[in-house]
Amino acid sequence: MQLSSLLQRFNEPETLKMAKLGREMRAKGIDVIDLSLGEPDFDTPQHIKEAAKKAIDENWSHYPPVAGYMDLRQTICDKLQRDNTLIYTPENIIVSTGAKQSIANVILALLNAGDEVVIPTPYWVTYSALAQMACSKVVFIHTTADTGYKVTAAALERALTHHTKLFIFSSPCNPTGAVYTKEELKILVDVFKKYPDVYILSDEIYEYINFTGNPHYSIAQFEALKERVIVVNGLSKGFAMTGWRLGYMAAPLPLAKACEKIQGQFTSGANTIAQRAAIAALQQSFVPTKTMVSAFAQRRAKVSAWLQQMPELIGAIPDGAFYIFPYIKKYLGKKYNEETMHNATDLCMYILNEAKVSTVTGSAFGNADCMRISFANSMENVEEGLNRIKHALSKLH
């Protein structure tokens, strides 16, 4: 069978691959602890589920507008003004089947073959894959733990050229948990001012999972860039609604219209019941979200204590999201029996097979010397998983 050459431009996401391997092992009766996926281990709050049930009873079962129901888009505008002091109209909002589709819409609407997309590493696996699907050139800015895995003005200046069309980043960041402060974003804004043709996609899906004690700040809040920033968000992380597949974007009007046109040919409007539930999520009680984030904070403290006991692992404690991204290079080259840890992928497979814990190689996120460990699992499983990893690493020599 002659398949499209498009398939050669990207790989299966390592996050999904490791979760799949873990599921296959559990199906065989093997006790595998999943510290790979970025999915809250909480159920969708009851008031959101009730809104969905009501929507079913009220027969919200017909095709919705491609861009989303008008009252949901207004609710998103209200949320952006309430939480982020951002002023948009419903015409700027496109509701999609998950935030991933919002990102895909933007990339397909903006990029031509050969356009450059600048992405700081470590980065979420899908950014580069989608850019490659669009035949764009991906330019990486390699960040390190020394800068908190945040891009500096100097590094940004070196990466941007007259060929650059789009800059993509996330705050809080997946996989590092880095959260940009207002002051750090201001420094980047000053660089972007010199490149008026560059758009900025700000992935803010982890907005509510923030441990800094400070409000979330969006780069769209700088008026100088407002017409070039695309804010992408969704309900998966902050409301434990991963399976509902509901994301959204706020964008300059011409781009929003272009994304609506593209989405109309791919999926049309997002699921109607999920849209009605999303209104309740964004308008009603945030107590379940705060309770969930409090639990993540407790696990983060556990992870911090564990890292301090692991001198050969170097990792920054995340300011947001629910991952740690330790530097594992001191374990590379070591062996277990005849098995050598050549890279992070080898180490993650060793941990899966020996410790029965699924993690994700840092190679998937643009840093082959790290690994991602999710603490979006119960405290009991996080503790057990970390202990298993510690024991497995102690066997390497």
Protein backbone atom coordinates (compact mmCIF):
# COMPACT_ATOMS: atom_id res chain seq x y z
CA MET A 1 0.00 0.00 0.00
CA GLN A 2 1.38 3.42 -0.97
CA LEU A 3 0.66 5.71 1.97
CA SER A 4 1.11 9.47 2.08
CA SER A 5 4.61 10.88 2.55
CA LEU A 6 3.05 13.05 5.25
CA LEU A 7 3.38 10.10 7.61
CA GLN A 8 7.15 10.25 7.32
CA ARG A 9 7.31 13.74 8.76
CA PHE A 10 6.30 12.84 12.32
CA ASN A 11 6.22 9.97 14.80
CA GLU A 12 3.64 8.57 17.18
CA PRO A 13 3.67 10.73 20.35
CA GLU A 14 5.94 9.12 22.95
CA THR A 15 3.45 10.08 25.66
CA LEU A 16 0.75 7.95 24.05
CA LYS A 17 3.23 5.21 23.15
CA MET A 18 4.37 4.72 26.76
CA ALA A 19 0.82 4.83 28.09
CA LYS A 20 -0.13 2.21 25.49
CA LEU A 21 2.73 -0.08 26.52
CA GLY A 22 1.68 0.27 30.16
CA ARG A 23 -1.91 -0.62 29.33
CA GLU A 24 -0.80 -3.68 27.38
CA MET A 25 1.26 -4.89 30.34
CA ARG A 26 -1.64 -4.30 32.77
CA ALA A 27 -3.91 -6.27 30.43
CA LYS A 28 -1.54 -9.20 30.97
CA GLY A 29 -1.94 -8.88 34.73
CA ILE A 30 1.31 -6.96 35.34
CA ASP A 31 1.13 -4.27 38.03
CA VAL A 32 2.29 -1.17 36.11
CA ILE A 33 2.03 2.30 37.66
CA ASP A 34 1.35 5.01 35.09
CA LEU A 35 3.48 8.12 35.61
CA SER A 36 3.48 8.92 31.90
CA LEU A 37 0.20 10.54 30.90
CA GLY A 38 -0.76 14.12 31.61
CA GLU A 39 -4.27 13.34 32.79
CA PRO A 40 -5.70 14.40 36.16
CA ASP A 41 -6.68 11.37 38.23
CA PHE A 42 -9.91 13.11 39.23
CA ASP A 43 -13.43 12.70 37.92
CA THR A 44 -15.21 15.58 36.23
CA PRO A 45 -16.94 17.68 38.94
CA GLN A 46 -20.57 16.79 39.59
CA HIS A 47 -22.07 20.16 38.64
CA ILE A 48 -20.45 19.88 35.20
CA LYS A 49 -21.82 16.37 34.72
CA GLU A 50 -25.27 17.59 35.76
CA ALA A 51 -25.11 20.30 33.12
CA ALA A 52 -24.30 17.65 30.53
CA LYS A 53 -27.22 15.47 31.63
CA LYS A 54 -29.51 18.46 31.41
CA ALA A 55 -28.25 19.19 27.90
CA ILE A 56 -29.08 15.65 26.84
CA ASP A 57 -32.58 15.92 28.30
CA GLU A 58 -33.06 19.26 26.56
CA ASN A 59 -32.04 17.71 23.23
CA TRP A 60 -28.87 19.63 22.52
CA SER A 61 -28.23 16.94 19.93
CA HIS A 62 -28.15 18.78 16.63
CA TYR A 63 -25.26 20.23 14.64
CA PRO A 64 -23.75 23.23 16.46
CA PRO A 65 -22.18 26.28 14.79
CA VAL A 66 -18.64 25.47 13.59
CA ALA A 67 -17.13 28.10 15.90
CA GLY A 68 -19.16 26.98 18.90
CA TYR A 69 -22.42 28.07 20.52
CA MET A 70 -22.60 31.82 20.91
CA ASP A 71 -23.35 31.68 24.66
CA LEU A 72 -20.30 29.45 25.23
CA ARG A 73 -18.10 31.81 23.25
CA GLN A 74 -19.42 34.70 25.33
CA THR A 75 -18.72 32.69 28.48
CA ILE A 76 -15.13 32.21 27.30
CA CYS A 77 -14.86 35.97 26.71
CA ASP A 78 -16.15 36.56 30.24
CA LYS A 79 -13.60 34.08 31.60
CA LEU A 80 -10.72 35.75 29.73
CA GLN A 81 -11.75 39.15 31.10
CA ARG A 82 -12.33 37.84 34.63
CA ASP A 83 -9.16 35.76 34.95
CA ASN A 84 -6.76 37.41 32.51
CA THR A 85 -8.01 41.00 31.95
CA LEU A 86 -8.24 40.20 28.23
CA ILE A 87 -11.01 41.76 26.14
CA TYR A 88 -12.37 39.68 23.27
CA THR A 89 -15.69 39.36 21.51
CA PRO A 90 -17.31 36.01 20.64
CA GLU A 91 -16.15 36.51 17.04
CA ASN A 92 -12.56 36.11 18.27
CA ILE A 93 -13.30 32.73 19.85
CA ILE A 94 -13.23 29.33 18.17
CA VAL A 95 -14.31 26.26 20.17
CA SER A 96 -12.62 23.04 19.05
CA THR A 97 -12.43 19.33 19.74
CA GLY A 98 -9.67 19.75 22.32
CA ALA A 99 -6.90 22.34 22.53
CA LYS A 100 -4.83 20.18 20.18
CA GLN A 101 -7.26 20.94 17.36
CA SER A 102 -7.06 24.65 18.17
CA ILE A 103 -3.29 24.49 17.71
CA ALA A 104 -3.67 22.53 14.47
CA ASN A 105 -6.16 25.10 13.16
CA VAL A 106 -3.72 27.95 13.84
CA ILE A 107 -0.81 26.18 12.18
CA LEU A 108 -2.79 25.25 9.09
CA ALA A 109 -4.27 28.75 8.82
CA LEU A 110 -0.97 30.61 9.24
CA LEU A 111 1.87 28.58 7.77
CA ASN A 112 3.06 27.97 4.25
CA ALA A 113 5.71 25.47 3.21
CA GLY A 114 9.12 26.76 4.28
CA ASP A 115 7.87 29.20 6.92
CA GLU A 116 9.84 29.02 10.13
CA VAL A 117 8.27 28.06 13.44
CA VAL A 118 10.34 28.81 16.54
CA ILE A 119 9.80 26.54 19.55
CA PRO A 120 11.70 26.64 22.85
CA THR A 121 12.74 23.24 24.16
CA PRO A 122 11.63 21.32 26.14
CA TYR A 123 8.24 21.51 24.42
CA TRP A 124 5.02 19.55 24.12
CA VAL A 125 5.48 16.80 21.55
CA THR A 126 2.66 17.92 19.24
CA TYR A 127 3.97 21.42 18.45
CA SER A 128 6.73 20.28 16.14
CA ALA A 129 4.73 17.41 14.65
CA LEU A 130 1.94 19.75 13.53
CA ALA A 131 4.43 22.25 12.11
CA GLN A 132 6.12 19.45 10.17
CA MET A 133 2.76 18.35 8.79
CA ALA A 134 2.42 21.88 7.41
CA CYS A 135 5.85 21.51 5.70
CA SER A 136 7.26 24.27 7.87
CA LYS A 137 10.82 24.52 9.14
CA VAL A 138 11.08 24.08 12.90
CA VAL A 139 13.76 26.10 14.70
CA PHE A 140 14.41 25.07 18.28
CA ILE A 141 15.68 27.30 21.09
CA HIS A 142 17.38 25.01 23.60
CA THR A 143 16.78 26.10 27.18
CA THR A 144 18.38 24.64 30.29
CA ALA A 145 17.69 24.18 33.97
CA ASP A 146 20.01 27.15 34.63
CA THR A 147 17.36 29.49 33.19
CA GLY A 148 14.47 27.52 34.66
CA TYR A 149 13.83 26.09 31.19
CA LYS A 150 12.68 29.52 30.05
CA VAL A 151 13.80 31.24 26.86
CA THR A 152 15.98 34.33 27.28
CA ALA A 153 15.77 37.50 25.23
CA ALA A 154 19.20 36.86 23.73
CA ALA A 155 18.28 33.33 22.65
CA LEU A 156 14.99 34.54 21.19
CA GLU A 157 16.76 37.30 19.27
CA ARG A 158 19.17 34.78 17.76
CA ALA A 159 16.35 32.48 16.63
CA LEU A 160 14.00 34.99 15.01
CA THR A 161 14.56 35.90 11.36
CA HIS A 162 12.57 37.47 8.53
CA HIS A 163 11.46 33.90 7.69
CA THR A 164 9.88 33.36 11.13
CA LYS A 165 6.11 33.21 11.03
CA LEU A 166 5.15 31.68 14.39
CA PHE A 167 6.51 31.25 17.90
CA ILE A 168 4.92 28.54 20.07
CA PHE A 169 5.33 28.14 23.83
CA SER A 170 3.41 27.12 26.92
CA SER A 171 3.16 28.60 30.39
CA PRO A 172 2.83 26.68 32.67
CA CYS A 173 5.00 24.45 30.54
CA ASN A 174 4.59 20.82 29.64
CA PRO A 175 6.97 19.05 30.41
CA THR A 176 9.01 21.25 32.78
CA GLY A 177 6.33 23.05 34.79
CA ALA A 178 8.03 26.39 34.14
CA VAL A 179 5.80 29.43 34.65
CA TYR A 180 6.74 32.76 33.07
CA THR A 181 6.36 35.84 35.25
CA LYS A 182 5.04 39.13 33.93
CA GLU A 183 8.56 40.55 34.02
CA GLU A 184 10.01 37.62 32.06
CA LEU A 185 7.31 37.92 29.42
CA LYS A 186 7.91 41.68 29.16
CA ILE A 187 11.53 41.00 28.19
CA LEU A 188 10.37 38.70 25.38
CA VAL A 189 7.74 41.22 24.26
CA ASP A 190 10.49 43.79 23.72
CA VAL A 191 12.17 41.37 21.30
CA PHE A 192 8.94 40.52 19.47
CA LYS A 193 8.33 44.23 18.87
CA LYS A 194 11.29 44.16 16.49
CA TYR A 195 9.66 41.40 14.43
CA PRO A 196 6.16 42.65 13.56
CA ASP A 197 5.37 39.72 11.23
CA VAL A 198 5.81 37.03 13.90
CA TYR A 199 2.71 35.57 15.54
CA ILE A 200 2.84 34.07 19.04
CA LEU A 201 0.82 31.01 20.07
CA SER A 202 0.50 30.91 23.84
CA ASP A 203 -0.63 27.52 25.12
CA GLU A 204 -2.23 28.14 28.52
CA ILE A 205 -3.96 24.79 29.08
CA TYR A 206 -2.31 24.41 32.53
CA GLU A 207 -3.31 27.92 33.64
CA TYR A 208 -5.09 26.84 36.84
CA ILE A 209 -2.40 24.36 37.92
CA ASN A 210 -0.06 26.99 39.27
CA PHE A 211 1.86 26.62 42.54
CA THR A 212 3.55 30.04 42.62
CA GLY A 213 0.83 31.83 44.56
CA ASN A 214 0.79 34.49 41.83
CA PRO A 215 -1.94 35.00 39.22
CA HIS A 216 -1.43 33.49 35.80
CA TYR A 217 -0.10 36.06 33.33
CA SER A 218 -0.63 35.78 29.58
CA ILE A 219 1.61 37.35 26.97
CA ALA A 220 -1.62 38.53 25.31
CA GLN A 221 -2.00 40.99 28.19
CA PHE A 222 0.69 43.17 26.61
CA GLU A 223 -1.22 45.54 24.36
CA ALA A 224 1.69 45.87 21.92
CA LEU A 225 1.28 42.22 20.90
CA LYS A 226 -2.47 41.74 21.34
CA GLU A 227 -3.15 41.52 17.59
CA ARG A 228 -0.43 38.91 17.10
CA VAL A 229 -1.09 36.56 20.03
CA ILE A 230 -3.26 33.46 19.85
CA VAL A 231 -4.31 32.19 23.26
CA VAL A 232 -5.08 28.46 23.34
CA ASN A 233 -6.76 26.88 26.34
CA GLY A 234 -9.21 24.14 27.21
CA LEU A 235 -10.96 22.23 29.95
CA SER A 236 -8.92 19.02 30.08
CA LYS A 237 -6.44 19.89 32.83
CA GLY A 238 -8.08 22.44 35.09
CA PHE A 239 -11.48 20.74 35.15
CA ALA A 240 -10.51 17.06 34.75
CA MET A 241 -12.38 16.89 31.45
CA THR A 242 -9.82 15.14 29.25
CA GLY A 243 -12.33 12.81 27.60
CA TRP A 244 -14.80 15.57 26.84
CA ARG A 245 -12.43 16.96 24.18
CA LEU A 246 -13.21 20.64 24.51
CA GLY A 247 -10.66 23.35 23.76
CA TYR A 248 -10.77 26.91 22.54
CA MET A 249 -8.69 29.71 21.12
CA ALA A 250 -8.87 33.49 21.23
CA ALA A 251 -7.29 35.14 18.21
CA PRO A 252 -7.26 38.26 16.05
CA LEU A 253 -10.45 38.32 13.99
CA PRO A 254 -8.95 37.48 10.54
CA LEU A 255 -7.16 34.46 11.98
CA ALA A 256 -10.22 33.33 13.95
CA LYS A 257 -12.25 33.39 10.74
CA ALA A 258 -9.55 31.43 8.92
CA CYS A 259 -9.52 28.80 11.69
CA GLU A 260 -13.31 28.55 11.54
CA LYS A 261 -13.05 27.89 7.80
CA ILE A 262 -10.48 25.12 8.31
CA GLN A 263 -12.35 23.52 11.18
CA GLY A 264 -15.49 23.50 9.06
CA GLN A 265 -13.82 21.06 6.69
CA PHE A 266 -12.23 18.85 9.37
CA THR A 267 -14.71 18.31 12.21
CA SER A 268 -17.29 21.10 12.06
CA GLY A 269 -18.42 22.10 15.55
CA ALA A 270 -17.27 20.50 18.79
CA ASN A 271 -19.48 18.04 20.69
CA THR A 272 -22.72 19.74 21.70
CA ILE A 273 -23.04 18.17 25.15
CA ALA A 274 -19.43 19.02 25.99
CA GLN A 275 -20.11 22.62 24.99
CA ARG A 276 -23.07 22.92 27.35
CA ALA A 277 -21.01 21.34 30.14
CA ALA A 278 -18.19 23.81 29.43
CA ILE A 279 -20.48 26.74 30.18
CA ALA A 280 -21.12 25.31 33.66
CA ALA A 281 -17.41 24.65 34.15
CA LEU A 282 -16.39 28.21 33.35
CA GLN A 283 -19.30 29.92 35.13
CA GLN A 284 -19.94 27.91 38.26
CA SER A 285 -17.97 26.61 41.25
CA PHE A 286 -14.17 26.42 41.07
CA VAL A 287 -13.97 24.56 44.38
CA PRO A 288 -13.29 21.17 42.73
CA THR A 289 -10.48 22.72 40.68
CA LYS A 290 -8.91 24.24 43.80
CA THR A 291 -9.23 20.92 45.64
CA MET A 292 -7.52 19.12 42.77
CA VAL A 293 -4.68 21.65 42.57
CA SER A 294 -4.19 21.34 46.35
CA ALA A 295 -3.74 17.58 45.91
CA PHE A 296 -1.22 18.18 43.12
CA ALA A 297 0.67 20.54 45.42
CA GLN A 298 0.95 17.81 48.08
CA ARG A 299 2.29 15.36 45.51
CA ARG A 300 4.70 18.02 44.26
CA ALA A 301 6.08 18.26 47.79
CA LYS A 302 6.51 14.47 47.83
CA VAL A 303 8.33 14.59 44.50
CA SER A 304 10.57 17.38 45.81
CA ALA A 305 11.57 15.31 48.84
CA TRP A 306 12.23 12.30 46.58
CA LEU A 307 14.48 14.32 44.27
CA GLN A 308 16.56 15.46 47.24
CA GLN A 309 17.26 11.79 47.99
CA MET A 310 18.47 11.20 44.42
CA PRO A 311 21.82 13.00 44.03
CA GLU A 312 22.36 11.65 40.52
CA LEU A 313 19.06 13.13 39.34
CA ILE A 314 19.03 16.88 38.84
CA GLY A 315 15.62 18.48 38.56
CA ALA A 316 13.87 21.76 39.20
CA ILE A 317 10.67 21.68 41.22
CA PRO A 318 7.88 22.75 38.86
CA ASP A 319 6.00 26.01 39.40
CA GLY A 320 3.00 24.66 37.49
CA ALA A 321 1.48 21.66 35.67
CA PHE A 322 2.03 18.20 37.20
CA TYR A 323 5.35 16.93 35.91
CA ILE A 324 8.98 16.80 36.91
CA PHE A 325 11.62 16.77 34.22
CA PRO A 326 14.85 15.57 35.85
CA TYR A 327 18.24 15.57 34.15
CA ILE A 328 19.28 11.90 33.96
CA LYS A 329 22.61 12.10 32.13
CA LYS A 330 24.56 10.60 35.05
CA TYR A 331 22.73 7.34 34.47
CA LEU A 332 23.50 7.19 30.77
CA GLY A 333 26.21 4.69 29.92
CA LYS A 334 25.42 2.60 32.99
CA LYS A 335 24.33 -1.01 32.72
CA TYR A 336 21.96 -3.55 34.19
CA ASN A 337 23.21 -7.03 33.41
CA GLU A 338 24.10 -6.66 29.72
CA GLU A 339 21.68 -3.82 29.04
CA THR A 340 23.30 -0.41 28.55
CA MET A 341 21.45 2.87 29.04
CA HIS A 342 22.52 4.67 25.87
CA ASN A 343 19.87 7.38 26.06
CA ALA A 344 16.77 8.53 27.89
CA THR A 345 14.59 6.20 25.85
CA ASP A 346 16.63 3.20 27.00
CA LEU A 347 16.35 4.36 30.60
CA CYS A 348 12.57 4.79 30.39
CA MET A 349 12.16 1.33 28.84
CA TYR A 350 14.38 -0.13 31.57
CA ILE A 351 12.24 1.55 34.25
CA LEU A 352 9.09 0.21 32.58
CA ASN A 353 10.37 -3.35 32.37
CA GLU A 354 12.29 -3.50 35.66
CA ALA A 355 10.30 -1.16 37.94
CA LYS A 356 6.94 -1.57 36.19
CA VAL A 357 6.50 2.22 36.03
CA SER A 358 5.75 4.08 32.80
CA THR A 359 7.47 7.43 32.25
CA VAL A 360 8.33 9.37 29.07
CA THR A 361 11.71 9.92 27.46
CA GLY A 362 12.92 13.49 27.30
CA SER A 363 13.75 12.97 23.64
CA ALA A 364 10.05 13.37 22.91
CA PHE A 365 10.21 16.91 24.32
CA GLY A 366 13.47 17.97 22.70
CA ASN A 367 15.91 17.08 25.51
CA ALA A 368 17.49 13.64 25.27
CA ASP A 369 19.19 14.01 28.66
CA CYS A 370 15.94 14.18 30.66
CA MET A 371 12.82 12.18 31.38
CA ARG A 372 9.29 13.25 32.27
CA ILE A 373 7.56 11.88 35.33
CA SER A 374 3.91 12.79 35.85
CA PHE A 375 2.44 13.09 39.33
CA ALA A 376 -1.12 13.18 38.00
CA ASN A 377 -1.85 9.97 39.86
CA SER A 378 -2.91 9.17 43.42
CA MET A 379 -0.48 9.94 46.23
CA GLU A 380 -0.24 6.21 46.91
CA ASN A 381 0.70 5.44 43.32
CA VAL A 382 3.09 8.40 43.08
CA GLU A 383 4.91 7.26 46.24
CA GLU A 384 5.06 3.64 45.12
CA GLY A 385 6.12 4.61 41.61
CA LEU A 386 8.94 6.85 42.84
CA ASN A 387 10.17 4.15 45.22
CA ARG A 388 10.20 1.63 42.39
CA ILE A 389 12.14 4.01 40.16
CA LYS A 390 14.66 4.66 42.95
CA HIS A 391 15.18 0.92 43.45
CA ALA A 392 15.58 0.27 39.73
CA LEU A 393 18.09 3.08 39.31
CA SER A 394 20.12 1.73 42.24
CA LYS A 395 20.72 -1.47 40.24
CA LEU A 396 22.56 0.37 37.46
CA HIS A 397 26.33 0.31 37.58
